[in-house]
Protein backbone atom coordinates (compact mmCIF):
# COMPACT_ATOMS: atom_id res chain seq x y z
CA UNK A 1 -41.36 18.45 34.63
CA UNK A 2 -38.39 18.33 36.78
CA UNK A 3 -38.56 14.59 36.84
CA UNK A 4 -38.95 14.46 33.14
CA UNK A 5 -35.70 16.50 32.94
CA UNK A 6 -34.01 14.03 35.22
CA UNK A 7 -35.06 11.01 33.25
CA UNK A 8 -33.86 12.58 30.03
CA UNK A 9 -30.42 13.56 31.41
CA UNK A 10 -30.18 10.03 32.65
CA UNK A 11 -31.39 8.44 29.35
CA UNK A 12 -28.71 10.85 27.49
CA UNK A 13 -26.11 9.89 29.95
CA UNK A 14 -26.85 6.18 29.22
CA UNK A 15 -26.71 6.79 25.47
CA UNK A 16 -23.39 8.53 25.69
CA UNK A 17 -21.88 5.74 27.83
CA UNK A 18 -22.94 3.14 25.31
CA UNK A 19 -21.65 5.08 22.47
CA UNK A 20 -18.38 5.39 24.00
CA UNK A 21 -18.41 1.67 25.04
CA UNK A 22 -19.26 0.78 21.44
CA UNK A 23 -16.48 3.01 20.13
CA UNK A 24 -13.95 1.58 22.42
CA UNK A 25 -15.17 -1.84 21.43
CA UNK A 26 -14.80 -1.19 17.73
CA UNK A 27 -11.18 0.55 18.34
CA UNK A 28 -10.13 -2.46 20.10
CA UNK A 29 -11.55 -4.98 17.44
CA UNK A 30 -9.91 -2.86 14.72
CA UNK A 31 -6.60 -2.72 16.66
CA UNK A 32 -6.65 -6.60 16.98
CA UNK A 33 -7.48 -7.06 13.45
CA UNK A 34 -4.56 -4.63 12.28
CA UNK A 35 -1.95 -7.19 13.59
CA UNK A 36 -3.17 -9.95 11.32
CA UNK A 37 -0.48 -9.56 8.69
CA UNK A 38 2.14 -9.47 11.32
CA UNK A 39 1.09 -12.46 13.10
CA UNK A 40 1.02 -14.46 9.73
CA UNK A 41 4.63 -13.57 8.64
CA UNK A 42 6.10 -13.59 12.24
CA UNK A 43 4.25 -16.79 13.55
CA UNK A 44 4.01 -18.70 10.34
CA UNK A 45 5.99 -17.63 7.31
CA UNK A 46 9.40 -16.96 9.17
CA UNK A 47 8.94 -19.76 11.77
CA UNK A 48 8.49 -22.42 8.88
CA UNK A 49 11.35 -20.84 6.95
CA UNK A 50 13.69 -21.13 9.81
CA UNK A 51 12.45 -24.49 10.94
CA UNK A 52 11.74 -26.32 7.63
CA UNK A 53 13.09 -24.01 4.69
CA UNK A 54 9.62 -23.53 3.69
CA UNK A 55 8.12 -20.29 3.74
CA UNK A 56 4.44 -21.13 3.57
CA UNK A 57 1.87 -19.62 3.72
CA UNK A 58 4.19 -16.95 2.18
CA UNK A 59 5.84 -17.37 -1.12
CA UNK A 60 9.20 -16.03 -0.06
CA UNK A 61 11.09 -15.33 3.28
CA UNK A 62 14.22 -13.40 2.70
CA UNK A 63 15.91 -12.93 6.15
CA UNK A 64 19.21 -11.59 4.70
CA UNK A 65 17.54 -8.71 3.09
CA UNK A 66 14.70 -8.69 5.78
CA UNK A 67 11.36 -9.00 3.90
CA UNK A 68 8.61 -11.54 2.80
CA UNK A 69 6.47 -11.82 -0.03
CA UNK A 70 2.92 -13.33 0.33
CA UNK A 71 -0.30 -13.73 -1.87
CA UNK A 72 -2.89 -11.27 -0.91
CA UNK A 73 -6.44 -12.69 -0.61
CA UNK A 74 -7.94 -10.00 -3.18
CA UNK A 75 -7.24 -10.31 -6.82
CA UNK A 76 -5.97 -13.19 -8.94
CA UNK A 77 -2.53 -11.65 -9.08
CA UNK A 78 -1.82 -9.26 -6.35
CA UNK A 79 0.88 -9.78 -3.87
CA UNK A 80 2.22 -8.06 -0.97
CA UNK A 81 5.81 -7.40 0.10
CA UNK A 82 6.44 -6.79 3.89
CA UNK A 83 9.24 -6.13 6.04
CA UNK A 84 10.35 -9.18 8.26
CA UNK A 85 10.67 -6.84 11.04
CA UNK A 86 7.95 -4.97 13.00
CA UNK A 87 7.61 -1.76 10.84
CA UNK A 88 4.07 -0.28 11.19
CA UNK A 89 4.05 1.72 7.92
CA UNK A 90 5.06 4.65 5.99
CA UNK A 91 5.29 6.86 8.99
CA UNK A 92 7.85 4.59 10.66
CA UNK A 93 11.26 6.30 10.89
CA UNK A 94 13.07 3.02 10.28
CA UNK A 95 12.22 3.36 6.47
CA UNK A 96 14.51 6.33 6.31
CA UNK A 97 17.49 4.31 7.47
CA UNK A 98 16.56 0.99 6.07
CA UNK A 99 19.28 -0.78 4.14
CA UNK A 100 16.72 -2.67 1.86
CA UNK A 101 14.85 -0.95 -0.69
CA UNK A 102 11.54 -2.51 -0.22
CA UNK A 103 9.97 -0.73 -3.44
CA UNK A 104 12.76 -2.14 -5.57
CA UNK A 105 12.40 -5.63 -4.10
CA UNK A 106 8.61 -5.53 -4.53
CA UNK A 107 9.07 -4.56 -8.20
CA UNK A 108 11.36 -7.74 -8.54
CA UNK A 109 8.66 -9.79 -6.93
CA UNK A 110 6.15 -9.20 -9.63
CA UNK A 111 7.25 -12.32 -11.25
CA UNK A 112 5.06 -14.18 -8.79
CA UNK A 113 2.12 -12.49 -10.48
CA UNK A 114 3.54 -13.65 -13.76
CA UNK A 115 3.86 -17.06 -12.75
CA UNK A 116 0.22 -17.23 -11.71
CA UNK A 117 -0.88 -15.89 -14.89
CA UNK A 118 1.01 -18.40 -16.82
CA UNK A 119 3.01 -16.14 -19.24
CA UNK A 120 4.97 -12.87 -19.22
CA UNK A 121 3.22 -9.68 -18.54
CA UNK A 122 4.32 -6.18 -19.58
CA UNK A 123 5.84 -3.80 -17.03
CA UNK A 124 3.29 -1.37 -17.90
CA UNK A 125 0.71 -3.55 -16.38
CA UNK A 126 1.99 -3.54 -12.85
CA UNK A 127 2.21 -1.00 -10.00
CA UNK A 128 3.28 -0.67 -6.57
CA UNK A 129 1.42 1.11 -3.52
CA UNK A 130 1.78 1.92 -0.01
CA UNK A 131 -1.36 3.56 1.88
CA UNK A 132 -1.38 6.35 4.44
CA UNK A 133 -2.44 5.08 8.10
CA UNK A 134 -5.68 6.68 7.34
CA UNK A 135 -6.43 4.30 4.69
CA UNK A 136 -5.06 0.94 5.64
CA UNK A 137 -6.37 -1.98 7.55
CA UNK A 138 -2.81 -3.49 8.78
CA UNK A 139 -0.30 -1.98 11.06
CA UNK A 140 2.64 -3.63 9.42
CA UNK A 141 4.23 -1.97 6.34
CA UNK A 142 2.95 -3.77 3.20
CA UNK A 143 3.50 -2.89 -0.38
CA UNK A 144 0.73 -3.81 -2.64
CA UNK A 145 2.15 -5.36 -6.00
CA UNK A 146 -0.91 -5.32 -8.28
CA UNK A 147 -2.21 -4.16 -11.74
CA UNK A 148 -2.86 -0.42 -12.58
CA UNK A 149 -6.26 0.78 -13.57
CA UNK A 150 -6.64 1.08 -17.20
CA UNK A 151 -7.74 4.70 -16.86
CA UNK A 152 -4.80 5.54 -14.83
CA UNK A 153 -2.56 3.73 -17.33
CA UNK A 154 -4.07 5.76 -20.16
CA UNK A 155 -3.41 8.93 -18.08
CA UNK A 156 0.29 8.16 -17.41
CA UNK A 157 0.97 7.35 -21.23
CA UNK A 158 -0.68 10.75 -21.94
CA UNK A 159 1.48 12.58 -19.29
CA UNK A 160 4.74 10.76 -20.10
CA UNK A 161 6.15 13.25 -22.56
CA UNK A 162 5.95 16.09 -20.04
CA UNK A 163 6.98 14.35 -16.82
CA UNK A 164 10.43 14.91 -15.49
CA UNK A 165 12.72 14.44 -12.45
CA UNK A 166 11.03 17.48 -10.70
CA UNK A 167 7.82 16.98 -8.74
CA UNK A 168 4.65 18.31 -10.56
CA UNK A 169 0.91 18.22 -9.76
CA UNK A 170 -1.19 16.22 -11.79
CA UNK A 171 -4.55 14.68 -11.36
CA UNK A 172 -5.12 10.87 -11.33
CA UNK A 173 -8.72 9.85 -11.01
CA UNK A 174 -10.40 12.59 -8.92
CA UNK A 175 -7.41 13.49 -6.66
CA UNK A 176 -4.28 15.66 -7.04
CA UNK A 177 -1.00 13.97 -7.01
CA UNK A 178 2.73 14.87 -7.03
CA UNK A 179 4.61 12.88 -9.69
CA UNK A 180 8.37 12.71 -10.61
CA UNK A 181 10.27 10.37 -12.72
CA UNK A 182 13.43 8.32 -11.72
CA UNK A 183 15.72 6.16 -13.89
CA UNK A 184 15.79 2.47 -13.45
CA UNK A 185 19.13 2.83 -11.54
CA UNK A 186 17.77 5.63 -9.31
CA UNK A 187 14.71 3.51 -8.58
CA UNK A 188 16.96 0.42 -7.59
CA UNK A 189 19.36 2.66 -5.47
CA UNK A 190 17.13 4.92 -3.44
CA UNK A 191 13.85 4.26 -1.92
CA UNK A 192 10.65 6.36 -2.69
CA UNK A 193 10.44 6.93 1.07
CA UNK A 194 13.48 8.89 0.80
CA UNK A 195 12.53 10.75 -2.25
CA UNK A 196 9.41 11.77 -0.28
CA UNK A 197 11.02 12.80 2.88
CA UNK A 198 13.93 14.71 1.27
CA UNK A 199 12.28 16.56 -1.55
CA UNK A 200 8.68 17.41 -0.62
CA UNK A 201 8.46 20.24 1.70
CA UNK A 202 7.31 19.17 5.16
CA UNK A 203 6.88 15.67 4.41
CA UNK A 204 9.80 14.15 6.66
CA UNK A 205 7.90 15.46 9.71
CA UNK A 206 4.39 14.12 8.59
CA UNK A 207 5.07 11.05 6.40
CA UNK A 208 1.85 9.46 7.74
CA UNK A 209 -0.13 12.09 5.68
CA UNK A 210 1.11 10.45 2.37
CA UNK A 211 0.47 7.39 0.20
CA UNK A 212 3.27 6.59 -2.59
CA UNK A 213 2.63 4.48 -5.83
CA UNK A 214 5.09 3.44 -8.38
CA UNK A 215 4.52 2.62 -12.19
CA UNK A 216 6.53 1.91 -15.29
CA UNK A 217 6.50 4.47 -18.06
CA UNK A 218 6.57 3.56 -21.83
CA UNK A 219 10.04 5.13 -22.33
CA UNK A 220 11.82 3.11 -19.59
CA UNK A 221 11.55 5.57 -16.64
CA UNK A 222 9.41 4.93 -13.58
CA UNK A 223 6.69 7.49 -12.20
CA UNK A 224 6.95 8.04 -8.60
CA UNK A 225 3.38 9.29 -7.54
CA UNK A 226 2.71 10.89 -4.07
CA UNK A 227 -0.76 11.56 -2.72
CA UNK A 228 -1.26 13.77 0.33
CA UNK A 229 -4.20 13.26 2.80
CA UNK A 230 -6.95 15.89 2.73
CA UNK A 231 -9.93 15.19 5.00
CA UNK A 232 -11.82 18.09 3.65
CA UNK A 233 -12.15 16.23 0.26
CA UNK A 234 -12.46 12.84 1.85
CA UNK A 235 -8.91 12.19 0.50
CA UNK A 236 -7.29 9.56 2.93
CA UNK A 237 -4.23 9.25 0.79
CA UNK A 238 -4.88 5.72 -0.44
CA UNK A 239 -2.27 4.97 -3.21
CA UNK A 240 -3.87 1.73 -3.74
CA UNK A 241 -6.88 3.58 -5.30
CA UNK A 242 -5.10 3.65 -8.53
CA UNK A 243 -4.77 -0.14 -8.76
CA UNK A 244 -7.08 -2.55 -10.07
CA UNK A 245 -7.04 -5.96 -8.27
CA UNK A 246 -9.12 -7.62 -10.89
CA UNK A 247 -6.26 -6.84 -13.47
CA UNK A 248 -8.41 -5.87 -16.47
CA UNK A 249 -5.04 -4.86 -18.27
CA UNK A 250 -4.16 -8.50 -18.12
CA UNK A 251 -7.62 -10.30 -18.37
CA UNK A 252 -9.45 -7.87 -20.59
CA UNK A 253 -13.20 -8.57 -20.73
CA UNK A 254 -12.57 -12.18 -20.19
CA UNK A 255 -13.51 -13.98 -16.97
CA UNK A 256 -11.14 -12.88 -14.12
CA UNK A 257 -10.25 -15.86 -11.88
CA UNK A 258 -11.12 -15.63 -8.28
CA UNK A 259 -8.31 -15.48 -5.68
CA UNK A 260 -5.59 -17.92 -6.31
CA UNK A 261 -3.59 -18.84 -3.17
């Protein structure tokens, strides 16, 4: 019996060591993959822009304002805006002192999606999103420029008459969000990162717990939408979840093109 217990103990130890090793390998693999976007923009887009005045494989490299725009692999119309400097994500303190309003620049960059579509698209189709560290795969800040889900569009249209410049709790899909409105000038002159850090209690000390999304309302205002992580409800603060990368609002029930680079 003693020998059996010893064998079981050894076997358990081996299983634990293998599990630890597998976890470490997975963590290293994910960490390596998490730098893929940064490697593309720093080693290809920026280098090509500086050497040849060609931002490829990005669509734009603006070194004066410090950002790049590139086509995402997923969805026919999805693009990403990323800082040209190393900024990991929403939790990075640099965002609270940045001279560039990355969200405003991302909204302006929606014209790349319109160019791919081949004709103008209404503002109501578009949205911007930044995920929390818990729901992203890349450790370089990237703003998703993509379409809204049709059901979220309908919900925002329904909420528009009662939305105001004060944060209020509303449900989008299955989760609770904080939503407030801003005017065109307010959106262009003050980053949503600052609205979150300055106005939502406790957010400045825990920016990594949040995701942010922005969408246009039918009355000319913008809705800023903030979701807070809640692991008890399996809510990882993925602001991107309100987006539809297939873009049914543009393509309807017709055939949606595959990724266009």
